[in-house]
N, C-alpha and C. Protein backbone atom coordinates (compact mmCIF):
# COMPACT_ATOMS: atom_id res chain seq x y z
N MET A 1 0.83 -1.19 0.00
CA MET A 1 0.00 0.00 0.00
C MET A 1 0.88 1.25 0.00
N ILE A 2 0.34 2.31 -0.58
CA ILE A 2 1.05 3.58 -0.60
C ILE A 2 0.70 4.34 0.67
N PRO A 3 1.72 4.88 1.37
CA PRO A 3 1.41 5.65 2.58
C PRO A 3 0.70 6.95 2.22
N ASN A 4 0.05 7.52 3.21
CA ASN A 4 -0.67 8.77 3.01
C ASN A 4 0.33 9.86 2.63
N LEU A 5 0.20 10.41 1.42
CA LEU A 5 1.11 11.43 0.93
C LEU A 5 0.46 12.80 1.06
N GLY A 6 0.41 13.33 2.26
CA GLY A 6 -0.18 14.64 2.50
C GLY A 6 0.87 15.73 2.50
N MET A 7 0.56 16.82 3.15
CA MET A 7 1.50 17.94 3.27
C MET A 7 2.66 17.54 4.18
N PRO A 8 3.86 18.07 3.88
CA PRO A 8 5.00 17.80 4.76
C PRO A 8 4.75 18.35 6.16
N GLN A 9 5.29 17.67 7.15
CA GLN A 9 5.09 18.09 8.54
C GLN A 9 6.43 18.09 9.26
N GLY A 10 6.55 18.96 10.24
CA GLY A 10 7.70 18.97 11.14
C GLY A 10 9.04 18.99 10.45
N GLY A 11 9.84 17.95 10.70
CA GLY A 11 11.20 17.87 10.19
C GLY A 11 11.28 17.79 8.67
N GLU A 12 10.21 17.39 8.03
CA GLU A 12 10.21 17.31 6.57
C GLU A 12 10.41 18.69 5.95
N TRP A 13 9.86 19.73 6.60
CA TRP A 13 10.04 21.09 6.10
C TRP A 13 11.51 21.50 6.18
N LEU A 14 12.20 21.08 7.23
CA LEU A 14 13.62 21.40 7.36
C LEU A 14 14.43 20.75 6.24
N VAL A 15 14.10 19.52 5.90
CA VAL A 15 14.78 18.83 4.81
C VAL A 15 14.52 19.56 3.49
N ILE A 16 13.28 19.95 3.26
CA ILE A 16 12.94 20.68 2.03
C ILE A 16 13.68 22.01 1.98
N LEU A 17 13.75 22.73 3.09
CA LEU A 17 14.47 24.00 3.15
C LEU A 17 15.95 23.80 2.85
N ALA A 18 16.55 22.75 3.40
CA ALA A 18 17.97 22.46 3.15
C ALA A 18 18.21 22.17 1.67
N ILE A 19 17.31 21.44 1.04
CA ILE A 19 17.45 21.13 -0.38
C ILE A 19 17.34 22.41 -1.22
N VAL A 20 16.40 23.28 -0.86
CA VAL A 20 16.23 24.54 -1.59
C VAL A 20 17.49 25.39 -1.46
N ILE A 21 18.06 25.46 -0.26
CA ILE A 21 19.28 26.25 -0.06
C ILE A 21 20.43 25.66 -0.88
N LEU A 22 20.53 24.36 -0.92
CA LEU A 22 21.59 23.73 -1.71
C LEU A 22 21.40 23.98 -3.21
N LEU A 23 20.17 23.94 -3.68
CA LEU A 23 19.91 24.13 -5.10
C LEU A 23 20.12 25.58 -5.55
N PHE A 24 19.60 26.52 -4.78
CA PHE A 24 19.62 27.91 -5.21
C PHE A 24 20.73 28.73 -4.58
N GLY A 25 21.29 28.27 -3.51
CA GLY A 25 22.32 29.05 -2.83
C GLY A 25 21.69 30.13 -1.98
N SER A 26 22.36 30.48 -0.90
CA SER A 26 21.77 31.46 0.03
C SER A 26 21.72 32.86 -0.57
N ALA A 27 22.55 33.17 -1.57
CA ALA A 27 22.55 34.50 -2.17
C ALA A 27 21.31 34.71 -3.04
N LYS A 28 20.79 33.67 -3.65
CA LYS A 28 19.65 33.80 -4.55
C LYS A 28 18.30 33.70 -3.84
N LEU A 29 18.29 33.24 -2.61
CA LEU A 29 17.02 33.03 -1.91
C LEU A 29 16.20 34.31 -1.74
N PRO A 30 16.79 35.46 -1.32
CA PRO A 30 15.95 36.66 -1.18
C PRO A 30 15.27 37.06 -2.50
N GLY A 31 15.99 36.96 -3.60
CA GLY A 31 15.39 37.28 -4.90
C GLY A 31 14.28 36.32 -5.26
N LEU A 32 14.49 35.05 -4.94
CA LEU A 32 13.47 34.03 -5.21
C LEU A 32 12.21 34.30 -4.40
N VAL A 33 12.38 34.66 -3.14
CA VAL A 33 11.23 34.95 -2.27
C VAL A 33 10.50 36.19 -2.77
N ARG A 34 11.26 37.23 -3.18
CA ARG A 34 10.62 38.44 -3.72
C ARG A 34 9.80 38.11 -4.97
N GLN A 35 10.36 37.30 -5.84
CA GLN A 35 9.65 36.94 -7.06
C GLN A 35 8.38 36.14 -6.75
N LEU A 36 8.47 35.25 -5.77
CA LEU A 36 7.28 34.50 -5.36
C LEU A 36 6.21 35.43 -4.79
N ALA A 37 6.64 36.43 -4.01
CA ALA A 37 5.69 37.38 -3.44
C ALA A 37 5.02 38.19 -4.54
N ARG A 38 5.79 38.62 -5.55
CA ARG A 38 5.21 39.37 -6.67
C ARG A 38 4.20 38.50 -7.42
N SER A 39 4.59 37.26 -7.65
CA SER A 39 3.68 36.35 -8.37
C SER A 39 2.39 36.15 -7.60
N LYS A 40 2.49 36.02 -6.28
CA LYS A 40 1.29 35.84 -5.44
C LYS A 40 0.40 37.07 -5.51
N LYS A 41 1.02 38.26 -5.48
CA LYS A 41 0.25 39.50 -5.54
C LYS A 41 -0.47 39.62 -6.88
N ILE A 42 0.24 39.31 -7.97
CA ILE A 42 -0.38 39.36 -9.30
C ILE A 42 -1.53 38.36 -9.38
N TRP A 43 -1.32 37.17 -8.85
CA TRP A 43 -2.36 36.13 -8.84
C TRP A 43 -3.61 36.63 -8.12
N GLU A 44 -3.42 37.21 -6.93
CA GLU A 44 -4.57 37.69 -6.15
C GLU A 44 -5.29 38.81 -6.88
N GLU A 45 -4.54 39.74 -7.52
CA GLU A 45 -5.18 40.82 -8.27
C GLU A 45 -6.00 40.27 -9.44
N GLU A 46 -5.47 39.28 -10.12
CA GLU A 46 -6.19 38.68 -11.24
C GLU A 46 -7.46 37.96 -10.77
N VAL A 47 -7.38 37.30 -9.63
CA VAL A 47 -8.55 36.61 -9.10
C VAL A 47 -9.65 37.62 -8.79
N VAL A 48 -9.28 38.74 -8.18
CA VAL A 48 -10.27 39.78 -7.86
C VAL A 48 -10.85 40.36 -9.14
N THR A 49 -9.98 40.68 -10.11
CA THR A 49 -10.43 41.27 -11.37
C THR A 49 -11.38 40.33 -12.11
N LYS A 50 -11.00 39.08 -12.22
CA LYS A 50 -11.84 38.12 -12.94
C LYS A 50 -13.16 37.90 -12.20
N GLY A 51 -13.12 37.91 -10.88
CA GLY A 51 -14.35 37.77 -10.10
C GLY A 51 -15.31 38.92 -10.37
N GLN A 52 -14.76 40.14 -10.45
CA GLN A 52 -15.60 41.30 -10.75
C GLN A 52 -16.19 41.19 -12.16
N GLU A 53 -15.36 40.75 -13.12
CA GLU A 53 -15.86 40.59 -14.48
C GLU A 53 -16.98 39.56 -14.56
N VAL A 54 -16.83 38.48 -13.84
CA VAL A 54 -17.86 37.44 -13.84
C VAL A 54 -19.15 37.98 -13.23
N ARG A 55 -19.04 38.73 -12.12
CA ARG A 55 -20.25 39.29 -11.50
C ARG A 55 -20.93 40.28 -12.45
N GLU A 56 -20.14 41.11 -13.16
CA GLU A 56 -20.73 42.06 -14.10
C GLU A 56 -21.44 41.34 -15.24
N LEU A 57 -20.80 40.31 -15.79
CA LEU A 57 -21.43 39.56 -16.87
C LEU A 57 -22.69 38.84 -16.39
N ALA A 58 -22.66 38.32 -15.18
CA ALA A 58 -23.84 37.66 -14.64
C ALA A 58 -24.98 38.66 -14.47
N ALA A 59 -24.66 39.88 -14.05
CA ALA A 59 -25.69 40.90 -13.90
C ALA A 59 -26.27 41.27 -15.26
N GLU A 60 -25.42 41.36 -16.29
CA GLU A 60 -25.91 41.67 -17.64
C GLU A 60 -26.84 40.57 -18.15
N VAL A 61 -26.46 39.33 -17.93
CA VAL A 61 -27.29 38.22 -18.38
C VAL A 61 -28.62 38.22 -17.64
N THR A 62 -28.57 38.46 -16.34
CA THR A 62 -29.79 38.51 -15.55
C THR A 62 -30.70 39.63 -16.04
N ASP A 63 -30.11 40.81 -16.30
CA ASP A 63 -30.91 41.92 -16.81
C ASP A 63 -31.51 41.59 -18.17
N THR A 64 -30.75 40.93 -19.01
CA THR A 64 -31.25 40.56 -20.34
C THR A 64 -32.44 39.63 -20.23
N PHE A 65 -32.35 38.64 -19.38
CA PHE A 65 -33.46 37.70 -19.24
C PHE A 65 -34.65 38.35 -18.54
N ASP A 66 -34.40 39.30 -17.64
CA ASP A 66 -35.51 40.01 -17.01
C ASP A 66 -36.27 40.83 -18.04
N LEU A 67 -35.57 41.41 -19.02
CA LEU A 67 -36.23 42.20 -20.06
C LEU A 67 -37.04 41.32 -21.00
N GLN A 68 -36.63 40.08 -21.17
CA GLN A 68 -37.32 39.20 -22.09
C GLN A 68 -38.55 38.54 -21.48
N LYS A 69 -38.73 38.66 -20.18
CA LYS A 69 -39.90 38.06 -19.54
C LYS A 69 -41.15 38.82 -19.98
N PRO A 70 -42.22 38.12 -20.24
CA PRO A 70 -43.46 38.82 -20.61
C PRO A 70 -43.99 39.63 -19.43
N ALA A 71 -44.65 40.74 -19.75
CA ALA A 71 -45.17 41.62 -18.71
C ALA A 71 -46.30 40.94 -17.94
N THR A 72 -47.10 40.16 -18.64
CA THR A 72 -48.19 39.46 -17.98
C THR A 72 -48.02 37.96 -18.22
N ALA A 73 -48.63 37.22 -17.37
CA ALA A 73 -48.56 35.77 -17.52
C ALA A 73 -49.35 35.36 -18.75
N PRO A 74 -48.88 34.40 -19.51
CA PRO A 74 -49.63 33.98 -20.70
C PRO A 74 -50.96 33.35 -20.29
N ALA A 75 -51.95 33.56 -21.13
CA ALA A 75 -53.28 33.01 -20.86
C ALA A 75 -53.22 31.49 -20.93
N ALA A 76 -54.03 30.88 -20.11
CA ALA A 76 -54.08 29.41 -20.11
C ALA A 76 -54.62 28.94 -21.45
N GLN A 77 -53.94 27.98 -22.02
CA GLN A 77 -54.38 27.46 -23.31
C GLN A 77 -55.54 26.49 -23.09
N ALA A 78 -56.44 26.50 -24.04
CA ALA A 78 -57.58 25.59 -23.96
C ALA A 78 -57.09 24.17 -24.17
N ALA A 79 -57.69 23.26 -23.43
CA ALA A 79 -57.32 21.86 -23.55
C ALA A 79 -57.81 21.34 -24.90
N PRO A 80 -57.07 20.46 -25.53
CA PRO A 80 -57.53 19.91 -26.81
C PRO A 80 -58.82 19.13 -26.60
N PRO A 81 -59.67 19.11 -27.60
CA PRO A 81 -60.94 18.39 -27.44
C PRO A 81 -60.69 16.91 -27.23
N LYS A 82 -61.51 16.32 -26.39
CA LYS A 82 -61.40 14.89 -26.12
C LYS A 82 -62.09 14.12 -27.23
N THR A 83 -61.46 13.08 -27.63
CA THR A 83 -62.07 12.23 -28.66
C THR A 83 -62.49 10.93 -28.02
N HIS A 84 -63.63 10.45 -28.41
CA HIS A 84 -64.13 9.19 -27.87
C HIS A 84 -63.86 8.09 -28.87
N ILE A 85 -63.25 7.08 -28.41
CA ILE A 85 -62.95 5.97 -29.31
C ILE A 85 -63.81 4.79 -28.95
């Protein structure tokens, strides 16, 4: 069976941090963190912008369908004549 592969916990984070430091070097880490922060900020701004666009489009669609509704309820249609067989 495969063990539960969830989020790293405790000492696993230290191992991951050590690997990152070895790969990127301590001089590049501040720049890497800054770039990640910028990317996160851009991501959040895009999420907010797209959310607003979706709400605006939903409002337009709702308004369009509200305009297409008939002002009065349609009259009840007469039932078709019954045929006797």
